[in-house]
Amino acid sequence: MHPAIFLDRDGVIIENRPNYVRRWEDVLFYPQALQALASAGGSPYKIVIVTNQSAVGRGMISLETAHEINRRVIETIEAHGGRIDGSFICPHAPQDACDCRKPKPGLFRQAAEALSLDLGQSYLIGDALSDLLSGQAAGLRQTILVRTGRGAAQEALPKPQELKPFLTFDTLSQALAALLQND
């Protein structure tokens, strides 16, 4: 069993888009994120992307296109010296009531089964309260909100009653540095 660092994609590694990331040309990396992932490449944690991609369920892009964008994101991270050990997409629209769309924990369970992960020793870094809720529902050791993407706006929202304490950092780079320094 391996511990993992789960990462939301949009708003953490790449910029969110108001009309969704629908094609490769919509992808804009946070430069600090690429550097941070290169620095974390030698860590003992599995590094796993967990991302809601409701543009698929809304009929805006195909599942094949979503996987192709994700594949190219991972290739870019690897070209910059980082690594991604797994990537899991929820393609459903919010009204589909699936178990894999964050804030539900299904993506984490899929990853744990596929990659032999110890969820109780794992972390999540996301830019939305729904990310944190999903990580907490999956039993992760700690959840972290970054202020990139929607993070700063989400931080100002009233906190759901079921949301447990979480850490907050300005960027993925700061979050990973703190996490890897402490472990």
Protein backbone atom coordinates (compact mmCIF):
# COMPACT_ATOMS: atom_id res chain seq x y z
CA MET A 1 0.00 0.00 0.00
CA HIS A 2 1.36 3.40 -1.01
CA PRO A 3 0.51 6.88 0.23
CA ALA A 4 -0.56 9.34 -2.46
CA ILE A 5 -0.83 13.01 -3.20
CA PHE A 6 -4.05 13.56 -5.10
CA LEU A 7 -4.24 16.67 -7.25
CA ASP A 8 -7.22 18.35 -8.81
CA ARG A 9 -6.27 19.38 -12.36
CA ASP A 10 -8.13 22.57 -13.32
CA GLY A 11 -7.28 25.42 -10.97
CA VAL A 12 -4.33 23.57 -9.41
CA ILE A 13 -2.08 22.44 -12.28
CA ILE A 14 -3.70 24.32 -15.15
CA GLU A 15 -5.91 27.39 -15.20
CA ASN A 16 -9.68 27.01 -14.98
CA ARG A 17 -11.65 28.17 -18.00
CA PRO A 18 -15.11 29.74 -17.59
CA ASN A 19 -16.39 27.63 -20.51
CA TYR A 20 -14.39 24.52 -19.56
CA VAL A 21 -11.16 23.13 -20.96
CA ARG A 22 -12.51 21.75 -24.24
CA ARG A 23 -9.40 21.54 -26.41
CA TRP A 24 -5.65 21.49 -25.96
CA GLU A 25 -5.46 25.18 -26.89
CA ASP A 26 -7.49 25.97 -23.72
CA VAL A 27 -4.74 24.53 -21.51
CA LEU A 28 -2.53 27.04 -19.71
CA PHE A 29 -0.19 25.65 -17.06
CA TYR A 30 0.69 27.48 -13.89
CA PRO A 31 4.49 27.72 -14.29
CA GLN A 32 4.98 27.20 -10.54
CA ALA A 33 2.91 24.01 -10.77
CA LEU A 34 5.21 22.47 -13.37
CA GLN A 35 8.23 23.38 -11.25
CA ALA A 36 6.59 22.01 -8.11
CA LEU A 37 5.71 18.71 -9.77
CA ALA A 38 9.29 18.37 -11.01
CA SER A 39 10.50 18.90 -7.42
CA ALA A 40 8.05 16.31 -6.09
CA GLY A 41 9.00 13.70 -8.68
CA GLY A 42 11.37 11.90 -6.34
CA SER A 43 8.95 11.75 -3.40
CA PRO A 44 7.74 8.40 -2.03
CA TYR A 45 4.13 9.41 -2.73
CA LYS A 46 2.19 8.27 -5.76
CA ILE A 47 1.06 11.42 -7.56
CA VAL A 48 -2.48 11.08 -8.87
CA ILE A 49 -4.78 13.47 -10.75
CA VAL A 50 -8.49 13.31 -9.85
CA THR A 51 -10.64 15.60 -11.98
CA ASN A 52 -14.29 16.28 -12.66
CA GLN A 53 -14.80 16.84 -16.37
CA SER A 54 -18.50 17.60 -16.65
CA ALA A 55 -17.97 19.07 -20.14
CA VAL A 56 -18.18 15.42 -21.24
CA GLY A 57 -21.50 14.79 -19.46
CA ARG A 58 -22.84 18.11 -20.74
CA GLY A 59 -22.10 17.03 -24.33
CA MET A 60 -19.49 19.76 -24.93
CA ILE A 61 -16.58 17.36 -25.59
CA SER A 62 -16.19 13.63 -26.05
CA LEU A 63 -14.72 11.34 -23.41
CA GLU A 64 -11.94 10.62 -25.93
CA THR A 65 -11.12 14.36 -26.11
CA ALA A 66 -11.08 14.63 -22.30
CA HIS A 67 -8.65 11.69 -22.09
CA GLU A 68 -6.48 13.17 -24.86
CA ILE A 69 -6.24 16.53 -23.05
CA ASN A 70 -5.35 14.72 -19.84
CA ARG A 71 -2.73 12.61 -21.63
CA ARG A 72 -1.10 15.76 -23.01
CA VAL A 73 -1.19 17.44 -19.58
CA ILE A 74 0.65 14.43 -18.14
CA GLU A 75 3.16 14.40 -21.03
CA THR A 76 3.90 18.09 -20.40
CA ILE A 77 4.42 17.48 -16.68
CA GLU A 78 6.78 14.61 -17.49
CA ALA A 79 8.64 16.73 -20.07
CA HIS A 80 9.29 19.23 -17.29
CA GLY A 81 10.74 16.54 -14.99
CA GLY A 82 7.63 15.62 -13.01
CA ARG A 83 5.67 12.39 -12.86
CA ILE A 84 2.04 11.39 -12.61
CA ASP A 85 1.37 7.84 -11.44
CA GLY A 86 -2.32 7.80 -12.30
CA SER A 87 -5.17 9.94 -13.55
CA PHE A 88 -8.88 9.47 -12.92
CA ILE A 89 -11.67 11.43 -14.61
CA CYS A 90 -15.32 11.76 -13.69
CA PRO A 91 -17.04 12.43 -17.03
CA HIS A 92 -20.52 12.87 -15.57
CA ALA A 93 -22.72 15.94 -15.40
CA PRO A 94 -23.77 17.10 -11.91
CA GLN A 95 -27.33 15.77 -12.35
CA ASP A 96 -26.07 12.24 -13.13
CA ALA A 97 -25.76 11.47 -9.38
CA CYS A 98 -22.72 9.24 -9.89
CA ASP A 99 -20.35 8.21 -7.09
CA CYS A 100 -17.23 9.54 -8.83
CA ARG A 101 -18.08 13.23 -9.16
CA LYS A 102 -16.45 15.27 -6.41
CA PRO A 103 -17.60 15.96 -3.67
CA LYS A 104 -18.26 12.19 -3.62
CA PRO A 105 -15.24 9.93 -2.97
CA GLY A 106 -15.52 7.52 -5.91
CA LEU A 107 -12.44 8.73 -7.83
CA PHE A 108 -10.27 8.16 -4.76
CA ARG A 109 -11.62 4.65 -4.32
CA GLN A 110 -10.99 3.87 -8.00
CA ALA A 111 -7.42 5.12 -7.64
CA ALA A 112 -6.83 3.22 -4.39
CA GLU A 113 -7.93 -0.03 -5.98
CA ALA A 114 -6.02 0.47 -9.22
CA LEU A 115 -2.77 1.72 -7.63
CA SER A 116 -2.77 -0.03 -4.21
CA LEU A 117 -3.05 3.26 -2.31
CA ASP A 118 -3.39 3.80 1.43
CA LEU A 119 -6.03 6.52 1.55
CA GLY A 120 -5.53 7.09 5.28
CA GLN A 121 -1.94 8.19 4.60
CA SER A 122 -2.74 10.26 1.54
CA TYR A 123 -3.34 13.95 0.80
CA LEU A 124 -5.44 16.01 -1.58
CA ILE A 125 -4.63 19.41 -3.02
CA GLY A 126 -7.57 21.15 -4.66
CA ASP A 127 -9.01 24.57 -5.42
CA ALA A 128 -12.63 23.96 -4.37
CA LEU A 129 -14.50 23.03 -1.22
CA SER A 130 -15.98 20.10 -3.17
CA ASP A 131 -12.44 18.78 -3.67
CA LEU A 132 -11.83 18.93 0.08
CA LEU A 133 -15.16 17.30 0.90
CA SER A 134 -14.43 14.42 -1.47
CA GLY A 135 -10.98 13.84 0.01
CA GLN A 136 -12.38 13.90 3.52
CA ALA A 137 -15.20 11.52 2.54
CA ALA A 138 -12.55 9.14 1.18
CA GLY A 139 -10.75 9.18 4.55
CA LEU A 140 -7.62 11.00 3.45
CA ARG A 141 -5.08 12.08 6.07
CA GLN A 142 -5.28 15.78 5.10
CA THR A 143 -6.88 18.05 2.54
CA ILE A 144 -5.34 21.26 1.25
CA LEU A 145 -6.95 24.22 -0.51
CA VAL A 146 -4.82 26.31 -2.86
CA ARG A 147 -5.82 29.87 -3.71
CA THR A 148 -5.16 29.44 -7.44
CA GLY A 149 -8.10 28.74 -9.73
CA ARG A 150 -11.31 29.08 -7.72
CA GLY A 151 -9.47 28.65 -4.41
CA ALA A 152 -9.44 32.27 -3.20
CA ALA A 153 -13.16 32.68 -3.93
CA GLN A 154 -13.97 29.29 -2.38
CA GLU A 155 -12.00 30.18 0.75
CA ALA A 156 -14.33 33.15 1.30
CA LEU A 157 -17.51 31.05 1.08
CA PRO A 158 -19.37 29.81 4.15
CA LYS A 159 -17.95 26.39 5.04
CA PRO A 160 -20.28 23.39 4.85
CA GLN A 161 -20.95 21.95 8.30
CA GLU A 162 -19.45 18.59 7.33
CA LEU A 163 -16.16 20.14 6.17
CA LYS A 164 -13.35 19.30 8.58
CA PRO A 165 -10.32 21.54 9.13
CA PHE A 166 -7.97 21.83 6.16
CA LEU A 167 -4.73 23.59 5.26
CA THR A 168 -4.52 26.54 2.87
CA PHE A 169 -1.64 27.68 0.65
CA ASP A 170 -1.35 30.22 -2.14
CA THR A 171 -0.07 27.76 -4.77
CA LEU A 172 0.57 24.11 -5.51
CA SER A 173 4.27 24.86 -5.16
CA GLN A 174 3.84 26.09 -1.58
CA ALA A 175 1.51 23.23 -0.67
CA LEU A 176 3.86 20.53 -2.00
CA ALA A 177 6.91 22.13 -0.39
CA ALA A 178 5.18 22.17 3.01
CA LEU A 179 3.82 18.65 2.63
CA LEU A 180 7.09 17.09 1.49
CA GLN A 181 9.12 18.98 4.11
CA ASN A 182 6.94 17.58 6.91
CA ASP A 183 6.96 13.96 5.76
